PDB file of N, CA and C in Angstrom:
ATOM      1  N   MET A   1     -16.059  48.880  20.049  1.00  0.00           N
ATOM      2  CA  MET A   1     -17.266  49.318  19.003  1.00  0.00           C
ATOM      3  C   MET A   1     -18.181  48.560  18.987  1.00  0.00           C
ATOM      4  N   SER A   2     -19.617  48.693  19.270  1.00  0.00           N
ATOM      5  CA  SER A   2     -20.683  47.843  19.188  1.00  0.00           C
ATOM      6  C   SER A   2     -20.774  47.472  17.731  1.00  0.00           C
ATOM      7  N   LEU A   3     -21.432  46.480  17.436  1.00  0.00           N
ATOM      8  CA  LEU A   3     -22.030  45.534  16.263  1.00  0.00           C
ATOM      9  C   LEU A   3     -22.660  46.654  15.595  1.00  0.00           C
ATOM     10  N   THR A   4     -23.647  47.438  16.019  1.00  0.00           N
ATOM     11  CA  THR A   4     -24.427  48.522  15.059  1.00  0.00           C
ATOM     12  C   THR A   4     -22.934  49.299  14.571  1.00  0.00           C
ATOM     13  N   ASP A   5     -22.408  49.900  15.387  1.00  0.00           N
ATOM     14  CA  ASP A   5     -21.057  50.610  14.914  1.00  0.00           C
ATOM     15  C   ASP A   5     -20.046  50.018  13.915  1.00  0.00           C
ATOM     16  N   THR A   6     -20.053  48.759  14.207  1.00  0.00           N
ATOM     17  CA  THR A   6     -18.942  47.846  13.525  1.00  0.00           C
ATOM     18  C   THR A   6     -19.962  47.670  12.040  1.00  0.00           C
ATOM     19  N   THR A   7     -20.997  47.455  11.867  1.00  0.00           N
ATOM     20  CA  THR A   7     -21.796  46.859  10.571  1.00  0.00           C
ATOM     21  C   THR A   7     -21.923  48.156   9.925  1.00  0.00           C
ATOM     22  N   ILE A   8     -22.332  49.584  10.532  1.00  0.00           N
ATOM     23  CA  ILE A   8     -22.288  50.803   9.968  1.00  0.00           C
ATOM     24  C   ILE A   8     -20.879  51.060   9.160  1.00  0.00           C
ATOM     25  N   ALA A   9     -19.899  51.097   9.767  1.00  0.00           N
ATOM     26  CA  ALA A   9     -18.645  51.253   9.195  1.00  0.00           C
ATOM     27  C   ALA A   9     -17.769  50.341   7.754  1.00  0.00           C
ATOM     28  N   LEU A  10     -18.693  48.883   8.331  1.00  0.00           N
ATOM     29  CA  LEU A  10     -17.967  47.814   7.022  1.00  0.00           C
ATOM     30  C   LEU A  10     -18.959  48.189   5.832  1.00  0.00           C
ATOM     31  N   LEU A  11     -20.364  48.796   5.889  1.00  0.00           N
ATOM     32  CA  LEU A  11     -21.397  49.672   5.119  1.00  0.00           C
ATOM     33  C   LEU A  11     -20.838  50.473   4.334  1.00  0.00           C
ATOM     34  N   GLN A  12     -20.526  51.230   5.315  1.00  0.00           N
ATOM     35  CA  GLN A  12     -19.818  52.482   4.233  1.00  0.00           C
ATOM     36  C   GLN A  12     -18.662  52.348   3.539  1.00  0.00           C
ATOM     37  N   ASN A  13     -17.835  51.207   4.000  1.00  0.00           N
ATOM     38  CA  ASN A  13     -16.459  51.150   3.421  1.00  0.00           C
ATOM     39  C   ASN A  13     -17.120  50.157   2.177  1.00  0.00           C
ATOM     40  N   LEU A  14     -17.833  49.843   2.213  1.00  0.00           N
ATOM     41  CA  LEU A  14     -18.210  49.073   0.700  1.00  0.00           C
ATOM     42  C   LEU A  14     -19.149  49.421   0.118  1.00  0.00           C
ATOM     43  N   ILE A  15     -19.621  50.770   0.406  1.00  0.00           N
ATOM     44  CA  ILE A  15     -20.370  51.820  -0.388  1.00  0.00           C
ATOM     45  C   ILE A  15     -19.110  52.548  -1.148  1.00  0.00           C
ATOM     46  N   GLN A  16     -18.425  53.291   0.239  1.00  0.00           N
ATOM     47  CA  GLN A  16     -17.298  53.916  -0.697  1.00  0.00           C
ATOM     48  C   GLN A  16     -16.535  53.317  -1.795  1.00  0.00           C
ATOM     49  N   ASN A  17     -16.373  51.996  -1.745  1.00  0.00           N
ATOM     50  CA  ASN A  17     -15.860  51.102  -2.798  1.00  0.00           C
ATOM     51  C   ASN A  17     -16.160  51.484  -3.936  1.00  0.00           C
ATOM     52  N   GLY A  18     -17.657  51.734  -4.379  1.00  0.00           N
ATOM     53  CA  GLY A  18     -18.327  52.206  -5.520  1.00  0.00           C
ATOM     54  C   GLY A  18     -18.227  51.005  -6.758  1.00  0.00           C
ATOM     55  N   CYS A  19     -18.476  49.734  -5.929  1.00  0.00           N
ATOM     56  CA  CYS A  19     -18.398  48.634  -6.944  1.00  0.00           C
ATOM     57  C   CYS A  19     -19.942  48.513  -7.430  1.00  0.00           C
ATOM     58  N   VAL A  20     -20.021  49.061  -8.924  1.00  0.00           N
ATOM     59  CA  VAL A  20     -21.301  49.209  -9.756  1.00  0.00           C
ATOM     60  C   VAL A  20     -21.311  48.264 -10.829  1.00  0.00           C
ATOM     61  N   ASN A  21     -22.375  47.537 -11.042  1.00  0.00           N
ATOM     62  CA  ASN A  21     -22.458  46.889 -12.465  1.00  0.00           C
ATOM     63  C   ASN A  21     -22.989  47.278 -13.381  1.00  0.00           C
ATOM     64  N   TYR A  22     -22.500  48.092 -14.308  1.00  0.00           N
ATOM     65  CA  TYR A  22     -23.057  48.925 -15.657  1.00  0.00           C
ATOM     66  C   TYR A  22     -23.602  47.875 -16.716  1.00  0.00           C
ATOM     67  N   LEU A  23     -23.276  46.395 -16.410  1.00  0.00           N
ATOM     68  CA  LEU A  23     -23.975  45.497 -17.230  1.00  0.00           C
ATOM     69  C   LEU A  23     -22.997  45.042 -18.025  1.00  0.00           C
ATOM     70  N   THR A  24     -21.915  45.527 -17.853  1.00  0.00           N
ATOM     71  CA  THR A  24     -20.758  45.310 -19.094  1.00  0.00           C
ATOM     72  C   THR A  24     -19.780  44.313 -18.300  1.00  0.00           C
ATOM     73  N   ALA A  25     -19.129  43.611 -19.301  1.00  0.00           N
ATOM     74  CA  ALA A  25     -18.132  42.877 -18.785  1.00  0.00           C
ATOM     75  C   ALA A  25     -16.922  43.296 -17.591  1.00  0.00           C
ATOM     76  N   ASP A  26     -16.538  44.158 -18.340  1.00  0.00           N
ATOM     77  CA  ASP A  26     -15.323  45.203 -17.612  1.00  0.00           C
ATOM     78  C   ASP A  26     -16.015  46.023 -16.390  1.00  0.00           C
ATOM     79  N   SER A  27     -17.234  46.480 -16.046  1.00  0.00           N
ATOM     80  CA  SER A  27     -17.861  47.116 -15.067  1.00  0.00           C
ATOM     81  C   SER A  27     -18.263  45.997 -13.718  1.00  0.00           C
ATOM     82  N   GLY A  28     -18.200  46.529 -12.547  1.00  0.00           N
ATOM     83  CA  GLY A  28     -18.419  46.315 -11.365  1.00  0.00           C
ATOM     84  C   GLY A  28     -17.000  46.265 -10.443  1.00  0.00           C
ATOM     85  N   GLN A  29     -15.592  45.621 -10.760  1.00  0.00           N
ATOM     86  CA  GLN A  29     -14.713  46.031  -9.989  1.00  0.00           C
ATOM     87  C   GLN A  29     -14.837  45.423  -8.506  1.00  0.00           C
ATOM     88  N   GLU A  30     -15.663  44.111  -8.758  1.00  0.00           N
ATOM     89  CA  GLU A  30     -15.879  43.844  -7.211  1.00  0.00           C
ATOM     90  C   GLU A  30     -14.488  43.178  -6.405  1.00  0.00           C
ATOM     91  N   THR A  31     -13.391  43.595  -7.267  1.00  0.00           N
ATOM     92  CA  THR A  31     -12.123  42.987  -6.318  1.00  0.00           C
ATOM     93  C   THR A  31     -12.468  43.871  -5.072  1.00  0.00           C
ATOM     94  N   LYS A  32     -12.502  45.058  -5.135  1.00  0.00           N
ATOM     95  CA  LYS A  32     -12.476  46.236  -3.953  1.00  0.00           C
ATOM     96  C   LYS A  32     -13.168  45.723  -2.710  1.00  0.00           C
ATOM     97  N   ASN A  33     -14.616  45.218  -3.202  1.00  0.00           N
ATOM     98  CA  ASN A  33     -15.493  44.563  -1.860  1.00  0.00           C
ATOM     99  C   ASN A  33     -14.759  43.453  -1.588  1.00  0.00           C
ATOM    100  N   ALA A  34     -14.447  42.705  -2.580  1.00  0.00           N
ATOM    101  CA  ALA A  34     -13.920  41.407  -1.670  1.00  0.00           C
ATOM    102  C   ALA A  34     -12.825  41.672  -0.905  1.00  0.00           C
ATOM    103  N   ASP A  35     -11.683  42.617  -1.278  1.00  0.00           N
ATOM    104  CA  ASP A  35     -10.683  42.530  -0.413  1.00  0.00           C
ATOM    105  C   ASP A  35     -11.295  43.021   0.928  1.00  0.00           C
ATOM    106  N   THR A  36     -11.950  44.001   0.716  1.00  0.00           N
ATOM    107  CA  THR A  36     -12.337  44.696   2.212  1.00  0.00           C
ATOM    108  C   THR A  36     -13.582  43.913   2.921  1.00  0.00           C
ATOM    109  N   LEU A  37     -13.922  42.824   2.676  1.00  0.00           N
ATOM    110  CA  LEU A  37     -14.895  41.843   3.452  1.00  0.00           C
ATOM    111  C   LEU A  37     -13.782  40.821   3.941  1.00  0.00           C
ATOM    112  N   GLU A  38     -12.567  40.502   2.837  1.00  0.00           N
ATOM    113  CA  GLU A  38     -11.730  39.513   3.548  1.00  0.00           C
ATOM    114  C   GLU A  38     -10.716  40.118   4.604  1.00  0.00           C
ATOM    115  N   ALA A  39     -10.483  41.021   4.829  1.00  0.00           N
ATOM    116  CA  ALA A  39      -9.701  42.119   5.639  1.00  0.00           C
ATOM    117  C   ALA A  39     -10.742  41.937   6.972  1.00  0.00           C
ATOM    118  N   PHE A  40     -11.890  42.367   6.461  1.00  0.00           N
ATOM    119  CA  PHE A  40     -12.909  42.365   7.639  1.00  0.00           C
ATOM    120  C   PHE A  40     -13.025  40.970   8.677  1.00  0.00           C
ATOM    121  N   PHE A  41     -12.976  39.842   7.767  1.00  0.00           N
ATOM    122  CA  PHE A  41     -13.024  38.738   8.125  1.00  0.00           C
ATOM    123  C   PHE A  41     -11.273  37.920   8.758  1.00  0.00           C
ATOM    124  N   ALA A  42     -10.379  38.632   8.746  1.00  0.00           N
ATOM    125  CA  ALA A  42      -9.097  38.170   9.049  1.00  0.00           C
ATOM    126  C   ALA A  42      -9.180  38.013  10.173  1.00  0.00           C
ATOM    127  N   GLY A  43      -8.415  37.122  10.540  1.00  0.00           N
ATOM    128  CA  GLY A  43      -8.311  36.631  11.809  1.00  0.00           C
ATOM    129  C   GLY A  43      -9.356  36.184  12.831  1.00  0.00           C
ATOM    130  N   THR A  44     -10.172  35.728  11.692  1.00  0.00           N
ATOM    131  CA  THR A  44     -11.364  35.101  12.486  1.00  0.00           C
ATOM    132  C   THR A  44     -11.503  33.627  11.974  1.00  0.00           C
ATOM    133  N   ASP A  45     -12.436  32.422  12.490  1.00  0.00           N
ATOM    134  CA  ASP A  45     -12.549  31.243  11.581  1.00  0.00           C
ATOM    135  C   ASP A  45     -13.246  31.380  10.424  1.00  0.00           C
ATOM    136  N   VAL A  46     -13.479  32.211  10.036  1.00  0.00           N
ATOM    137  CA  VAL A  46     -14.164  32.169   8.935  1.00  0.00           C
ATOM    138  C   VAL A  46     -13.281  31.989   7.710  1.00  0.00           C
ATOM    139  N   ARG A  47     -14.160  31.100   6.823  1.00  0.00           N
ATOM    140  CA  ARG A  47     -13.308  30.832   5.677  1.00  0.00           C
ATOM    141  C   ARG A  47     -13.311  31.388   4.261  1.00  0.00           C
ATOM    142  N   VAL A  48     -12.805  32.135   3.745  1.00  0.00           N
ATOM    143  CA  VAL A  48     -13.059  32.891   2.823  1.00  0.00           C
ATOM    144  C   VAL A  48     -12.348  32.444   1.279  1.00  0.00           C
ATOM    145  N   GLU A  49     -13.572  32.116   0.277  1.00  0.00           N
ATOM    146  CA  GLU A  49     -12.693  31.527  -0.714  1.00  0.00           C
ATOM    147  C   GLU A  49     -13.284  32.589  -2.311  1.00  0.00           C
ATOM    148  N   ARG A  50     -12.293  32.939  -2.689  1.00  0.00           N
ATOM    149  CA  ARG A  50     -12.503  33.941  -3.882  1.00  0.00           C
ATOM    150  C   ARG A  50     -12.365  33.363  -4.851  1.00  0.00           C
ATOM    151  N   TYR A  51     -13.745  33.204  -6.130  1.00  0.00           N
ATOM    152  CA  TYR A  51     -14.048  33.269  -7.782  1.00  0.00           C
ATOM    153  C   TYR A  51     -13.942  34.376  -8.112  1.00  0.00           C
ATOM    154  N   GLU A  52     -13.096  34.486  -9.521  1.00  0.00           N
ATOM    155  CA  GLU A  52     -12.841  35.381 -10.508  1.00  0.00           C
ATOM    156  C   GLU A  52     -12.987  34.857 -11.916  1.00  0.00           C
ATOM    157  N   PRO A  53     -13.828  34.932 -12.326  1.00  0.00           N
ATOM    158  CA  PRO A  53     -14.012  34.046 -13.821  1.00  0.00           C
ATOM    159  C   PRO A  53     -13.898  35.165 -14.619  1.00  0.00           C
ATOM    160  N   HIS A  54     -13.912  36.656 -14.513  1.00  0.00           N
ATOM    161  CA  HIS A  54     -13.026  37.480 -15.513  1.00  0.00           C
ATOM    162  C   HIS A  54     -12.427  38.670 -14.321  1.00  0.00           C
ATOM    163  N   PRO A  55     -11.292  39.061 -15.031  1.00  0.00           N
ATOM    164  CA  PRO A  55     -10.334  40.093 -14.251  1.00  0.00           C
ATOM    165  C   PRO A  55     -10.959  41.250 -13.354  1.00  0.00           C
ATOM    166  N   GLY A  56     -11.258  41.324 -12.337  1.00  0.00           N
ATOM    167  CA  GLY A  56     -11.891  42.403 -11.510  1.00  0.00           C
ATOM    168  C   GLY A  56     -13.233  42.213 -11.269  1.00  0.00           C
ATOM    169  N   ARG A  57     -13.743  40.944 -11.757  1.00  0.00           N
ATOM    170  CA  ARG A  57     -15.249  40.548 -11.299  1.00  0.00           C
ATOM    171  C   ARG A  57     -14.966  39.364 -10.420  1.00  0.00           C
ATOM    172  N   VAL A  58     -15.294  39.736  -8.936  1.00  0.00           N
ATOM    173  CA  VAL A  58     -15.277  38.682  -7.794  1.00  0.00           C
ATOM    174  C   VAL A  58     -16.130  38.149  -7.302  1.00  0.00           C
ATOM    175  N   SER A  59     -16.200  36.755  -7.017  1.00  0.00           N
ATOM    176  CA  SER A  59     -17.257  36.431  -6.223  1.00  0.00           C
ATOM    177  C   SER A  59     -16.648  35.709  -4.801  1.00  0.00           C
ATOM    178  N   ILE A  60     -17.055  36.007  -3.640  1.00  0.00           N
ATOM    179  CA  ILE A  60     -16.567  35.073  -2.562  1.00  0.00           C
ATOM    180  C   ILE A  60     -17.596  34.601  -1.996  1.00  0.00           C
ATOM    181  N   ALA A  61     -17.096  33.344  -1.348  1.00  0.00           N
ATOM    182  CA  ALA A  61     -17.787  32.643  -0.204  1.00  0.00           C
ATOM    183  C   ALA A  61     -17.197  32.298   0.984  1.00  0.00           C
ATOM    184  N   PHE A  62     -18.108  32.304   1.762  1.00  0.00           N
ATOM    185  CA  PHE A  62     -17.606  32.448   3.408  1.00  0.00           C
ATOM    186  C   PHE A  62     -18.182  31.070   3.760  1.00  0.00           C
ATOM    187  N   THR A  63     -17.272  30.457   4.662  1.00  0.00           N
ATOM    188  CA  THR A  63     -17.854  29.375   5.533  1.00  0.00           C
ATOM    189  C   THR A  63     -17.579  29.387   6.820  1.00  0.00           C
ATOM    190  N   VAL A  64     -18.530  29.124   7.831  1.00  0.00           N
ATOM    191  CA  VAL A  64     -18.395  29.149   9.060  1.00  0.00           C
ATOM    192  C   VAL A  64     -18.271  28.139   9.552  1.00  0.00           C
ATOM    193  N   GLU A  65     -17.319  27.193  10.432  1.00  0.00           N
ATOM    194  CA  GLU A  65     -17.873  25.638  10.736  1.00  0.00           C
ATOM    195  C   GLU A  65     -18.557  25.855  11.820  1.00  0.00           C
ATOM    196  N   GLY A  66     -19.304  24.935  12.041  1.00  0.00           N
ATOM    197  CA  GLY A  66     -20.424  24.124  12.809  1.00  0.00           C
ATOM    198  C   GLY A  66     -19.430  24.032  13.879  1.00  0.00           C
ATOM    199  N   THR A  67     -20.714  23.360  14.884  1.00  0.00           N
ATOM    200  CA  THR A  67     -20.109  22.740  16.020  1.00  0.00           C
ATOM    201  C   THR A  67     -20.530  21.360  16.518  1.00  0.00           C
ATOM    202  N   ASP A  68     -21.492  20.951  15.407  1.00  0.00           N
ATOM    203  CA  ASP A  68     -22.402  19.553  15.121  1.00  0.00           C
ATOM    204  C   ASP A  68     -21.791  18.757  14.300  1.00  0.00           C
ATOM    205  N   PRO A  69     -20.619  17.676  14.300  1.00  0.00           N
ATOM    206  CA  PRO A  69     -20.444  17.082  13.102  1.00  0.00           C
ATOM    207  C   PRO A  69     -21.326  16.363  12.310  1.00  0.00           C
ATOM    208  N   SER A  70     -22.168  15.961  13.067  1.00  0.00           N
ATOM    209  CA  SER A  70     -23.519  15.170  12.767  1.00  0.00           C
ATOM    210  C   SER A  70     -24.491  16.065  11.848  1.00  0.00           C
ATOM    211  N   ALA A  71     -24.646  17.422  11.785  1.00  0.00           N
ATOM    212  CA  ALA A  71     -25.415  18.266  10.920  1.00  0.00           C
ATOM    213  C   ALA A  71     -25.141  18.379   9.648  1.00  0.00           C
ATOM    214  N   GLU A  72     -26.026  18.404   8.956  1.00  0.00           N
ATOM    215  CA  GLU A  72     -25.665  18.320   7.528  1.00  0.00           C
ATOM    216  C   GLU A  72     -24.994  19.791   7.168  1.00  0.00           C
ATOM    217  N   PRO A  73     -24.544  20.081   5.835  1.00  0.00           N
ATOM    218  CA  PRO A  73     -23.683  21.371   5.876  1.00  0.00           C
ATOM    219  C   PRO A  73     -24.817  22.489   5.058  1.00  0.00           C
TER     220      PRO A  73
END
């Protein structure tokens, strides 16, 4: 699968998850997109960290280790 095809499939999946923030504490349900992205990066060197300040409202951070240990983070 090409990078374009992979990107389109991932974006379609994220859109289908329907994570929409209606400006209420319980809207969004970003957990679905966080799960999708974690699955996408599973088996890679990408480190995923989840933050869930409110049930169902998840933010994620990704870390990709560099190759130059003297470089700034």
